[in-house]
PDB file of all heavy atoms in Angstrom:
ATOM      1  N   THR A   1      54.820 -85.046 154.149  1.00  0.00           N
ATOM      2  CA  THR A   1      54.773 -84.705 152.671  1.00  0.00           C
ATOM      3  C   THR A   1      56.139 -84.333 152.207  1.00  0.00           C
ATOM      4  O   THR A   1      56.989 -83.905 153.000  1.00  0.00           O
ATOM      5  CB  THR A   1      53.784 -83.606 152.358  1.00  0.00           C
ATOM      6  OG1 THR A   1      54.259 -82.376 152.914  1.00  0.00           O
ATOM      7  CG2 THR A   1      52.442 -83.926 152.952  1.00  0.00           C
ATOM      8  N   SER A   2      56.400 -84.398 150.925  1.00  0.00           N
ATOM      9  CA  SER A   2      57.630 -83.950 150.375  1.00  0.00           C
ATOM     10  C   SER A   2      57.888 -82.514 150.621  1.00  0.00           C
ATOM     11  O   SER A   2      59.020 -82.065 150.867  1.00  0.00           O
ATOM     12  CB  SER A   2      57.664 -84.307 148.898  1.00  0.00           C
ATOM     13  OG  SER A   2      57.636 -85.629 148.616  1.00  0.00           O
ATOM     14  N   ASP A   3      56.838 -81.716 150.573  1.00  0.00           N
ATOM     15  CA  ASP A   3      56.933 -80.256 150.848  1.00  0.00           C
ATOM     16  C   ASP A   3      57.430 -80.030 152.233  1.00  0.00           C
ATOM     17  O   ASP A   3      58.316 -79.216 152.490  1.00  0.00           O
ATOM     18  CB  ASP A   3      55.667 -79.532 150.578  1.00  0.00           C
ATOM     19  CG  ASP A   3      55.297 -79.512 149.047  1.00  0.00           C
ATOM     20  OD1 ASP A   3      56.269 -79.688 148.238  1.00  0.00           O
ATOM     21  OD2 ASP A   3      54.143 -79.298 148.735  1.00  0.00           O
ATOM     22  N   ASP A   4      56.808 -80.767 153.215  1.00  0.00           N
ATOM     23  CA  ASP A   4      57.122 -80.575 154.578  1.00  0.00           C
ATOM     24  C   ASP A   4      58.630 -80.949 154.866  1.00  0.00           C
ATOM     25  O   ASP A   4      59.350 -80.200 155.447  1.00  0.00           O
ATOM     26  CB  ASP A   4      56.239 -81.438 155.497  1.00  0.00           C
ATOM     27  CG  ASP A   4      54.831 -80.928 155.525  1.00  0.00           C
ATOM     28  OD1 ASP A   4      54.579 -79.827 155.187  1.00  0.00           O
ATOM     29  OD2 ASP A   4      53.947 -81.760 155.841  1.00  0.00           O
ATOM     30  N   LEU A   5      59.042 -82.086 154.327  1.00  0.00           N
ATOM     31  CA  LEU A   5      60.386 -82.530 154.685  1.00  0.00           C
ATOM     32  C   LEU A   5      61.515 -81.789 153.877  1.00  0.00           C
ATOM     33  O   LEU A   5      62.610 -81.692 154.403  1.00  0.00           O
ATOM     34  CB  LEU A   5      60.517 -84.026 154.432  1.00  0.00           C
ATOM     35  CG  LEU A   5      60.145 -84.901 155.671  1.00  0.00           C
ATOM     36  CD1 LEU A   5      58.702 -84.750 156.092  1.00  0.00           C
ATOM     37  CD2 LEU A   5      60.452 -86.377 155.369  1.00  0.00           C
ATOM     38  N   SER A   6      61.155 -81.317 152.713  1.00  0.00           N
ATOM     39  CA  SER A   6      62.195 -80.606 151.942  1.00  0.00           C
ATOM     40  C   SER A   6      62.550 -79.252 152.556  1.00  0.00           C
ATOM     41  O   SER A   6      63.589 -78.718 152.283  1.00  0.00           O
ATOM     42  CB  SER A   6      61.742 -80.419 150.538  1.00  0.00           C
ATOM     43  OG  SER A   6      60.617 -79.570 150.466  1.00  0.00           O
ATOM     44  N   THR A   7      61.651 -78.750 153.364  1.00  0.00           N
ATOM     45  CA  THR A   7      61.928 -77.395 153.948  1.00  0.00           C
ATOM     46  C   THR A   7      62.513 -77.515 155.338  1.00  0.00           C
ATOM     47  O   THR A   7      63.005 -76.518 155.884  1.00  0.00           O
ATOM     48  CB  THR A   7      60.615 -76.570 154.074  1.00  0.00           C
ATOM     49  OG1 THR A   7      59.653 -77.304 154.881  1.00  0.00           O
ATOM     50  CG2 THR A   7      60.047 -76.316 152.695  1.00  0.00           C
ATOM     51  N   ALA A   8      62.569 -78.752 155.949  1.00  0.00           N
ATOM     52  CA  ALA A   8      63.160 -78.929 157.240  1.00  0.00           C
ATOM     53  C   ALA A   8      64.691 -78.908 157.076  1.00  0.00           C
ATOM     54  O   ALA A   8      65.262 -79.309 156.051  1.00  0.00           O
ATOM     55  CB  ALA A   8      62.722 -80.249 157.854  1.00  0.00           C
ATOM     56  N   THR A   9      65.414 -78.437 158.052  1.00  0.00           N
ATOM     57  CA  THR A   9      66.834 -78.262 158.000  1.00  0.00           C
ATOM     58  C   THR A   9      67.604 -79.547 157.791  1.00  0.00           C
ATOM     59  O   THR A   9      68.448 -79.708 156.886  1.00  0.00           O
ATOM     60  CB  THR A   9      67.377 -77.619 159.282  1.00  0.00           C
ATOM     61  OG1 THR A   9      66.735 -76.304 159.444  1.00  0.00           O
ATOM     62  CG2 THR A   9      68.915 -77.380 159.236  1.00  0.00           C
ATOM     63  N   ALA A  10      67.316 -80.593 158.635  1.00  0.00           N
ATOM     64  CA  ALA A  10      68.018 -81.843 158.556  1.00  0.00           C
ATOM     65  C   ALA A  10      67.828 -82.606 157.248  1.00  0.00           C
ATOM     66  O   ALA A  10      68.754 -82.968 156.546  1.00  0.00           O
ATOM     67  CB  ALA A  10      67.735 -82.721 159.737  1.00  0.00           C
ATOM     68  N   PRO A  11      66.551 -82.768 156.798  1.00  0.00           N
ATOM     69  CA  PRO A  11      66.333 -83.478 155.534  1.00  0.00           C
ATOM     70  C   PRO A  11      66.985 -82.795 154.331  1.00  0.00           C
ATOM     71  O   PRO A  11      67.437 -83.446 153.423  1.00  0.00           O
ATOM     72  CB  PRO A  11      64.796 -83.516 155.438  1.00  0.00           C
ATOM     73  CG  PRO A  11      64.315 -83.530 156.845  1.00  0.00           C
ATOM     74  CD  PRO A  11      65.277 -82.587 157.528  1.00  0.00           C
ATOM     75  N   ALA A  12      67.004 -81.477 154.358  1.00  0.00           N
ATOM     76  CA  ALA A  12      67.605 -80.764 153.234  1.00  0.00           C
ATOM     77  C   ALA A  12      69.084 -81.083 153.090  1.00  0.00           C
ATOM     78  O   ALA A  12      69.667 -81.004 152.019  1.00  0.00           O
ATOM     79  CB  ALA A  12      67.433 -79.232 153.418  1.00  0.00           C
ATOM     80  N   ALA A  13      69.647 -81.548 154.178  1.00  0.00           N
ATOM     81  CA  ALA A  13      71.099 -81.874 154.132  1.00  0.00           C
ATOM     82  C   ALA A  13      71.348 -83.387 154.123  1.00  0.00           C
ATOM     83  O   ALA A  13      72.443 -83.851 154.529  1.00  0.00           O
ATOM     84  CB  ALA A  13      71.788 -81.282 155.375  1.00  0.00           C
ATOM     85  N   ALA A  14      70.431 -84.121 153.582  1.00  0.00           N
ATOM     86  CA  ALA A  14      70.517 -85.603 153.559  1.00  0.00           C
ATOM     87  C   ALA A  14      71.773 -86.041 152.722  1.00  0.00           C
ATOM     88  O   ALA A  14      72.018 -85.424 151.652  1.00  0.00           O
ATOM     89  CB  ALA A  14      69.261 -86.222 153.062  1.00  0.00           C
ATOM     90  N   ASP A  15      72.412 -87.056 153.212  1.00  0.00           N
ATOM     91  CA  ASP A  15      73.594 -87.593 152.566  1.00  0.00           C
ATOM     92  C   ASP A  15      73.158 -88.237 151.213  1.00  0.00           C
ATOM     93  O   ASP A  15      73.885 -88.196 150.188  1.00  0.00           O
ATOM     94  CB  ASP A  15      74.270 -88.602 153.360  1.00  0.00           C
ATOM     95  CG  ASP A  15      74.841 -88.056 154.674  1.00  0.00           C
ATOM     96  OD1 ASP A  15      75.270 -86.878 154.669  1.00  0.00           O
ATOM     97  OD2 ASP A  15      74.769 -88.760 155.713  1.00  0.00           O
ATOM     98  N   ASP A  16      71.962 -88.846 151.177  1.00  0.00           N
ATOM     99  CA  ASP A  16      71.438 -89.543 149.991  1.00  0.00           C
ATOM    100  C   ASP A  16      69.994 -89.176 149.797  1.00  0.00           C
ATOM    101  O   ASP A  16      69.232 -89.078 150.789  1.00  0.00           O
ATOM    102  CB  ASP A  16      71.630 -91.032 150.230  1.00  0.00           C
ATOM    103  CG  ASP A  16      71.371 -91.834 148.953  1.00  0.00           C
ATOM    104  OD1 ASP A  16      71.360 -91.214 147.810  1.00  0.00           O
ATOM    105  OD2 ASP A  16      71.135 -93.042 149.033  1.00  0.00           O
ATOM    106  N   VAL A  17      69.630 -88.909 148.539  1.00  0.00           N
ATOM    107  CA  VAL A  17      68.251 -88.553 148.209  1.00  0.00           C
ATOM    108  C   VAL A  17      67.774 -89.538 147.132  1.00  0.00           C
ATOM    109  O   VAL A  17      68.416 -89.715 146.104  1.00  0.00           O
ATOM    110  CB  VAL A  17      68.097 -87.107 147.715  1.00  0.00           C
ATOM    111  CG1 VAL A  17      66.664 -86.827 147.300  1.00  0.00           C
ATOM    112  CG2 VAL A  17      68.611 -86.094 148.801  1.00  0.00           C
ATOM    113  N   LEU A  18      66.593 -90.174 147.411  1.00  0.00           N
ATOM    114  CA  LEU A  18      65.962 -91.017 146.463  1.00  0.00           C
ATOM    115  C   LEU A  18      64.678 -90.324 146.040  1.00  0.00           C
ATOM    116  O   LEU A  18      63.685 -90.200 146.800  1.00  0.00           O
ATOM    117  CB  LEU A  18      65.646 -92.385 147.026  1.00  0.00           C
ATOM    118  CG  LEU A  18      64.910 -93.381 146.151  1.00  0.00           C
ATOM    119  CD1 LEU A  18      65.611 -93.627 144.874  1.00  0.00           C
ATOM    120  CD2 LEU A  18      64.589 -94.644 146.927  1.00  0.00           C
ATOM    121  N   ASP A  19      64.614 -89.850 144.795  1.00  0.00           N
ATOM    122  CA  ASP A  19      63.439 -89.164 144.223  1.00  0.00           C
ATOM    123  C   ASP A  19      62.622 -90.159 143.446  1.00  0.00           C
ATOM    124  O   ASP A  19      63.046 -90.638 142.368  1.00  0.00           O
ATOM    125  CB  ASP A  19      63.885 -87.997 143.340  1.00  0.00           C
ATOM    126  CG  ASP A  19      62.790 -87.159 142.824  1.00  0.00           C
ATOM    127  OD1 ASP A  19      61.551 -87.559 143.007  1.00  0.00           O
ATOM    128  OD2 ASP A  19      62.989 -86.074 142.288  1.00  0.00           O
ATOM    129  N   LEU A  20      61.485 -90.529 143.996  1.00  0.00           N
ATOM    130  CA  LEU A  20      60.610 -91.494 143.304  1.00  0.00           C
ATOM    131  C   LEU A  20      59.690 -90.894 142.314  1.00  0.00           C
ATOM    132  O   LEU A  20      58.888 -91.673 141.629  1.00  0.00           O
ATOM    133  CB  LEU A  20      59.857 -92.301 144.395  1.00  0.00           C
ATOM    134  CG  LEU A  20      60.699 -93.134 145.314  1.00  0.00           C
ATOM    135  CD1 LEU A  20      59.816 -93.827 146.349  1.00  0.00           C
ATOM    136  CD2 LEU A  20      61.546 -94.138 144.537  1.00  0.00           C
ATOM    137  N   GLN A  21      59.714 -89.602 142.122  1.00  0.00           N
ATOM    138  CA  GLN A  21      59.041 -88.923 141.011  1.00  0.00           C
ATOM    139  C   GLN A  21      57.553 -89.235 140.826  1.00  0.00           C
ATOM    140  O   GLN A  21      56.997 -89.335 139.751  1.00  0.00           O
ATOM    141  CB  GLN A  21      59.744 -89.273 139.698  1.00  0.00           C
ATOM    142  CG  GLN A  21      61.235 -88.891 139.712  1.00  0.00           C
ATOM    143  CD  GLN A  21      61.979 -89.267 138.412  1.00  0.00           C
ATOM    144  OE1 GLN A  21      61.571 -90.172 137.677  1.00  0.00           O
ATOM    145  NE2 GLN A  21      63.105 -88.555 138.152  1.00  0.00           N
ATOM    146  N   GLY A  22      56.905 -89.450 141.997  1.00  0.00           N
ATOM    147  CA  GLY A  22      55.474 -89.704 141.953  1.00  0.00           C
ATOM    148  C   GLY A  22      55.030 -91.040 141.352  1.00  0.00           C
ATOM    149  O   GLY A  22      53.842 -91.207 140.979  1.00  0.00           O
ATOM    150  N   ARG A  23      55.958 -91.996 141.243  1.00  0.00           N
ATOM    151  CA  ARG A  23      55.679 -93.269 140.548  1.00  0.00           C
ATOM    152  C   ARG A  23      55.635 -94.500 141.452  1.00  0.00           C
ATOM    153  O   ARG A  23      55.532 -95.605 140.940  1.00  0.00           O
ATOM    154  CB  ARG A  23      56.667 -93.449 139.411  1.00  0.00           C
ATOM    155  CG  ARG A  23      56.741 -92.366 138.351  1.00  0.00           C
ATOM    156  CD  ARG A  23      57.760 -92.660 137.332  1.00  0.00           C
ATOM    157  NE  ARG A  23      57.519 -93.911 136.636  1.00  0.00           N
ATOM    158  CZ  ARG A  23      58.404 -94.510 135.855  1.00  0.00           C
ATOM    159  NH1 ARG A  23      59.608 -94.027 135.644  1.00  0.00           N
ATOM    160  NH2 ARG A  23      58.091 -95.681 135.206  1.00  0.00           N
ATOM    161  N   HIS A  24      55.635 -94.295 142.714  1.00  0.00           N
ATOM    162  CA  HIS A  24      55.734 -95.475 143.610  1.00  0.00           C
ATOM    163  C   HIS A  24      54.829 -95.312 144.814  1.00  0.00           C
ATOM    164  O   HIS A  24      54.528 -94.170 145.309  1.00  0.00           O
ATOM    165  CB  HIS A  24      57.138 -95.642 144.194  1.00  0.00           C
ATOM    166  CG  HIS A  24      58.168 -95.999 143.140  1.00  0.00           C
ATOM    167  ND1 HIS A  24      58.707 -95.133 142.205  1.00  0.00           N
ATOM    168  CD2 HIS A  24      58.744 -97.191 142.872  1.00  0.00           C
ATOM    169  CE1 HIS A  24      59.526 -95.708 141.446  1.00  0.00           C
ATOM    170  NE2 HIS A  24      59.593 -96.983 141.808  1.00  0.00           N
ATOM    171  N   VAL A  25      54.299 -96.451 145.311  1.00  0.00           N
ATOM    172  CA  VAL A  25      53.623 -96.503 146.568  1.00  0.00           C
ATOM    173  C   VAL A  25      54.691 -97.184 147.535  1.00  0.00           C
ATOM    174  O   VAL A  25      55.313 -98.202 147.224  1.00  0.00           O
ATOM    175  CB  VAL A  25      52.320 -97.339 146.498  1.00  0.00           C
ATOM    176  CG1 VAL A  25      52.569 -98.709 145.998  1.00  0.00           C
ATOM    177  CG2 VAL A  25      51.678 -97.403 147.833  1.00  0.00           C
ATOM    178  N   VAL A  26      54.791 -96.523 148.713  1.00  0.00           N
ATOM    179  CA  VAL A  26      55.768 -96.953 149.712  1.00  0.00           C
ATOM    180  C   VAL A  26      55.024 -97.441 150.942  1.00  0.00           C
ATOM    181  O   VAL A  26      54.040 -96.777 151.339  1.00  0.00           O
ATOM    182  CB  VAL A  26      56.758 -95.858 150.071  1.00  0.00           C
ATOM    183  CG1 VAL A  26      57.608 -96.247 151.325  1.00  0.00           C
ATOM    184  CG2 VAL A  26      57.692 -95.569 148.855  1.00  0.00           C
ATOM    185  N   LEU A  27      55.382 -98.526 151.555  1.00  0.00           N
ATOM    186  CA  LEU A  27      54.761 -99.058 152.789  1.00  0.00           C
ATOM    187  C   LEU A  27      55.759 -99.792 153.629  1.00  0.00           C
ATOM    188  O   LEU A  27      56.892-100.019 153.202  1.00  0.00           O
ATOM    189  CB  LEU A  27      53.587 -99.969 152.394  1.00  0.00           C
ATOM    190  CG  LEU A  27      53.864-101.290 151.619  1.00  0.00           C
ATOM    191  CD1 LEU A  27      52.735-102.278 151.896  1.00  0.00           C
ATOM    192  CD2 LEU A  27      53.959-100.972 150.096  1.00  0.00           C
ATOM    193  N   PRO A  28      55.352-100.107 154.854  1.00  0.00           N
ATOM    194  CA  PRO A  28      56.320-100.858 155.701  1.00  0.00           C
ATOM    195  C   PRO A  28      56.687-102.157 155.081  1.00  0.00           C
ATOM    196  O   PRO A  28      55.889-102.838 154.391  1.00  0.00           O
ATOM    197  CB  PRO A  28      55.483-101.055 156.995  1.00  0.00           C
ATOM    198  CG  PRO A  28      54.374-100.080 156.955  1.00  0.00           C
ATOM    199  CD  PRO A  28      54.086 -99.871 155.500  1.00  0.00           C
ATOM    200  N   GLY A  29      57.889-102.633 155.339  1.00  0.00           N
ATOM    201  CA  GLY A  29      58.316-104.008 154.871  1.00  0.00           C
ATOM    202  C   GLY A  29      57.320-105.016 155.371  1.00  0.00           C
ATOM    203  O   GLY A  29      56.922-104.970 156.582  1.00  0.00           O
ATOM    204  N   LEU A  30      56.999-106.048 154.599  1.00  0.00           N
ATOM    205  CA  LEU A  30      56.188-107.116 155.018  1.00  0.00           C
ATOM    206  C   LEU A  30      56.938-108.046 155.913  1.00  0.00           C
ATOM    207  O   LEU A  30      58.195-108.191 155.839  1.00  0.00           O
ATOM    208  CB  LEU A  30      55.614-107.908 153.775  1.00  0.00           C
ATOM    209  CG  LEU A  30      54.986-107.063 152.674  1.00  0.00           C
ATOM    210  CD1 LEU A  30      54.448-107.926 151.573  1.00  0.00           C
ATOM    211  CD2 LEU A  30      53.912-106.120 153.250  1.00  0.00           C
ATOM    212  N   ILE A  31      56.210-108.735 156.775  1.00  0.00           N
ATOM    213  CA  ILE A  31      56.808-109.591 157.767  1.00  0.00           C
ATOM    214  C   ILE A  31      56.356-111.026 157.717  1.00  0.00           C
ATOM    215  O   ILE A  31      55.098-111.308 157.742  1.00  0.00           O
ATOM    216  CB  ILE A  31      56.475-109.008 159.231  1.00  0.00           C
ATOM    217  CG1 ILE A  31      57.026-107.591 159.362  1.00  0.00           C
ATOM    218  CG2 ILE A  31      56.994-109.954 160.321  1.00  0.00           C
ATOM    219  CD1 ILE A  31      56.531-106.852 160.551  1.00  0.00           C
ATOM    220  N   ASN A  32      57.203-111.938 157.480  1.00  0.00           N
ATOM    221  CA  ASN A  32      56.911-113.372 157.263  1.00  0.00           C
ATOM    222  C   ASN A  32      57.055-114.068 158.613  1.00  0.00           C
ATOM    223  O   ASN A  32      58.164-114.073 159.209  1.00  0.00           O
ATOM    224  CB  ASN A  32      57.875-113.955 156.274  1.00  0.00           C
ATOM    225  CG  ASN A  32      57.630-115.461 156.052  1.00  0.00           C
ATOM    226  OD1 ASN A  32      56.528-115.907 156.085  1.00  0.00           O
ATOM    227  ND2 ASN A  32      58.682-116.155 155.739  1.00  0.00           N
ATOM    228  N   THR A  33      55.967-114.693 159.060  1.00  0.00           N
ATOM    229  CA  THR A  33      55.975-115.281 160.432  1.00  0.00           C
ATOM    230  C   THR A  33      56.171-116.778 160.487  1.00  0.00           C
ATOM    231  O   THR A  33      56.155-117.328 161.580  1.00  0.00           O
ATOM    232  CB  THR A  33      54.675-114.869 161.174  1.00  0.00           C
ATOM    233  OG1 THR A  33      53.577-115.377 160.453  1.00  0.00           O
ATOM    234  CG2 THR A  33      54.571-113.372 161.331  1.00  0.00           C
ATOM    235  N   HIS A  34      56.278-117.440 159.342  1.00  0.00           N
ATOM    236  CA  HIS A  34      56.470-118.864 159.342  1.00  0.00           C
ATOM    237  C   HIS A  34      57.024-119.383 158.033  1.00  0.00           C
ATOM    238  O   HIS A  34      56.480-119.057 156.947  1.00  0.00           O
ATOM    239  CB  HIS A  34      55.192-119.627 159.664  1.00  0.00           C
ATOM    240  CG  HIS A  34      55.373-121.104 159.798  1.00  0.00           C
ATOM    241  ND1 HIS A  34      56.129-121.714 160.811  1.00  0.00           N
ATOM    242  CD2 HIS A  34      54.885-122.133 159.045  1.00  0.00           C
ATOM    243  CE1 HIS A  34      56.056-123.046 160.676  1.00  0.00           C
ATOM    244  NE2 HIS A  34      55.351-123.276 159.606  1.00  0.00           N
ATOM    245  N   HIS A  35      58.132-120.154 158.044  1.00  0.00           N
ATOM    246  CA  HIS A  35      58.768-120.622 156.823  1.00  0.00           C
ATOM    247  C   HIS A  35      59.660-121.775 157.159  1.00  0.00           C
ATOM    248  O   HIS A  35      60.014-122.022 158.357  1.00  0.00           O
ATOM    249  CB  HIS A  35      59.556-119.500 156.212  1.00  0.00           C
ATOM    250  CG  HIS A  35      59.751-119.568 154.722  1.00  0.00           C
ATOM    251  ND1 HIS A  35      59.858-120.737 154.071  1.00  0.00           N
ATOM    252  CD2 HIS A  35      59.855-118.594 153.783  1.00  0.00           C
ATOM    253  CE1 HIS A  35      59.978-120.481 152.764  1.00  0.00           C
ATOM    254  NE2 HIS A  35      59.965-119.214 152.594  1.00  0.00           N
ATOM    255  N   HIS A  36      60.131-122.542 156.149  1.00  0.00           N
ATOM    256  CA  HIS A  36      61.110-123.542 156.223  1.00  0.00           C
ATOM    257  C   HIS A  36      61.994-123.360 154.981  1.00  0.00           C
ATOM    258  O   HIS A  36      61.780-123.945 153.894  1.00  0.00           O
ATOM    259  CB  HIS A  36      60.462-124.960 156.234  1.00  0.00           C
ATOM    260  CG  HIS A  36      59.441-125.144 157.265  1.00  0.00           C
ATOM    261  ND1 HIS A  36      59.736-125.119 158.642  1.00  0.00           N
ATOM    262  CD2 HIS A  36      58.117-125.369 157.191  1.00  0.00           C
ATOM    263  CE1 HIS A  36      58.626-125.317 159.304  1.00  0.00           C
ATOM    264  NE2 HIS A  36      57.647-125.413 158.437  1.00  0.00           N
ATOM    265  N   PHE A  37      63.012-122.546 155.140  1.00  0.00           N
ATOM    266  CA  PHE A  37      63.887-122.138 154.021  1.00  0.00           C
ATOM    267  C   PHE A  37      64.510-123.357 153.279  1.00  0.00           C
ATOM    268  O   PHE A  37      64.643-123.297 152.060  1.00  0.00           O
ATOM    269  CB  PHE A  37      64.982-121.247 154.515  1.00  0.00           C
ATOM    270  CG  PHE A  37      64.596-119.885 154.904  1.00  0.00           C
ATOM    271  CD1 PHE A  37      65.553-119.064 155.526  1.00  0.00           C
ATOM    272  CD2 PHE A  37      63.373-119.366 154.672  1.00  0.00           C
ATOM    273  CE1 PHE A  37      65.214-117.742 155.924  1.00  0.00           C
ATOM    274  CE2 PHE A  37      62.994-118.077 155.021  1.00  0.00           C
ATOM    275  CZ  PHE A  37      63.961-117.265 155.643  1.00  0.00           C
ATOM    276  N   PHE A  38      64.894-124.377 154.067  1.00  0.00           N
ATOM    277  CA  PHE A  38      65.625-125.500 153.478  1.00  0.00           C
ATOM    278  C   PHE A  38      64.809-126.200 152.366  1.00  0.00           C
ATOM    279  O   PHE A  38      65.363-126.796 151.427  1.00  0.00           O
ATOM    280  CB  PHE A  38      66.095-126.506 154.474  1.00  0.00           C
ATOM    281  CG  PHE A  38      64.968-127.297 155.110  1.00  0.00           C
ATOM    282  CD1 PHE A  38      64.616-128.535 154.530  1.00  0.00           C
ATOM    283  CD2 PHE A  38      64.287-126.899 156.258  1.00  0.00           C
ATOM    284  CE1 PHE A  38      63.588-129.277 155.068  1.00  0.00           C
ATOM    285  CE2 PHE A  38      63.285-127.641 156.790  1.00  0.00           C
ATOM    286  CZ  PHE A  38      62.924-128.804 156.214  1.00  0.00           C
ATOM    287  N   GLN A  39      63.518-126.050 152.404  1.00  0.00           N
ATOM    288  CA  GLN A  39      62.670-126.763 151.469  1.00  0.00           C
ATOM    289  C   GLN A  39      62.726-126.154 150.082  1.00  0.00           C
ATOM    290  O   GLN A  39      62.182-126.747 149.156  1.00  0.00           O
ATOM    291  CB  GLN A  39      61.219-126.803 151.987  1.00  0.00           C
ATOM    292  CG  GLN A  39      61.050-127.632 153.247  1.00  0.00           C
ATOM    293  CD  GLN A  39      59.577-127.575 153.774  1.00  0.00           C
ATOM    294  OE1 GLN A  39      58.678-127.170 153.069  1.00  0.00           O
ATOM    295  NE2 GLN A  39      59.417-128.081 154.959  1.00  0.00           N
ATOM    296  N   THR A  40      63.378-125.026 149.930  1.00  0.00           N
ATOM    297  CA  THR A  40      63.519-124.411 148.617  1.00  0.00           C
ATOM    298  C   THR A  40      64.192-125.422 147.585  1.00  0.00           C
ATOM    299  O   THR A  40      63.929-125.322 146.398  1.00  0.00           O
ATOM    300  CB  THR A  40      64.416-123.119 148.713  1.00  0.00           C
ATOM    301  OG1 THR A  40      63.778-122.210 149.596  1.00  0.00           O
ATOM    302  CG2 THR A  40      64.542-122.449 147.377  1.00  0.00           C
ATOM    303  N   LEU A  41      65.032-126.297 148.133  1.00  0.00           N
ATOM    304  CA  LEU A  41      65.713-127.227 147.261  1.00  0.00           C
ATOM    305  C   LEU A  41      64.912-128.447 146.816  1.00  0.00           C
ATOM    306  O   LEU A  41      65.341-129.257 146.029  1.00  0.00           O
ATOM    307  CB  LEU A  41      67.031-127.686 147.911  1.00  0.00           C
ATOM    308  CG  LEU A  41      67.977-126.522 148.332  1.00  0.00           C
ATOM    309  CD1 LEU A  41      69.228-127.142 148.999  1.00  0.00           C
ATOM    310  CD2 LEU A  41      68.386-125.733 147.085  1.00  0.00           C
ATOM    311  N   THR A  42      63.723-128.603 147.417  1.00  0.00           N
ATOM    312  CA  THR A  42      62.924-129.831 147.181  1.00  0.00           C
ATOM    313  C   THR A  42      61.449-129.484 146.838  1.00  0.00           C
ATOM    314  O   THR A  42      60.498-129.996 147.407  1.00  0.00           O
ATOM    315  CB  THR A  42      62.971-130.779 148.381  1.00  0.00           C
ATOM    316  OG1 THR A  42      62.512-130.076 149.540  1.00  0.00           O
ATOM    317  CG2 THR A  42      64.362-131.294 148.649  1.00  0.00           C
ATOM    318  N   ARG A  43      61.300-128.518 145.921  1.00  0.00           N
ATOM    319  CA  ARG A  43      60.004-128.150 145.479  1.00  0.00           C
ATOM    320  C   ARG A  43      59.426-129.078 144.400  1.00  0.00           C
ATOM    321  O   ARG A  43      60.182-129.616 143.609  1.00  0.00           O
ATOM    322  CB  ARG A  43      59.991-126.687 144.942  1.00  0.00           C
ATOM    323  CG  ARG A  43      60.404-125.723 146.055  1.00  0.00           C
ATOM    324  CD  ARG A  43      60.000-124.294 145.786  1.00  0.00           C
ATOM    325  NE  ARG A  43      60.983-123.515 145.059  1.00  0.00           N
ATOM    326  CZ  ARG A  43      61.020-122.161 145.093  1.00  0.00           C
ATOM    327  NH1 ARG A  43      60.147-121.477 145.771  1.00  0.00           N
ATOM    328  NH2 ARG A  43      61.946-121.531 144.436  1.00  0.00           N
TER     329      ARG A  43
END
C-alpha cells in the first residue's frame, strides 16, 4: 500500500516519484506471444 511504502526508509528516498492520485489501475505489462510486424505496411 502507499502507506506501507511511504514509511519505509528506501522508498522515502526515491529518486523519482510518480503520484497517480488514486486515478489509475496498475497491472503487469501485457505479453504478446505471436505477431508479424512487417505486415503493418500491408493492411
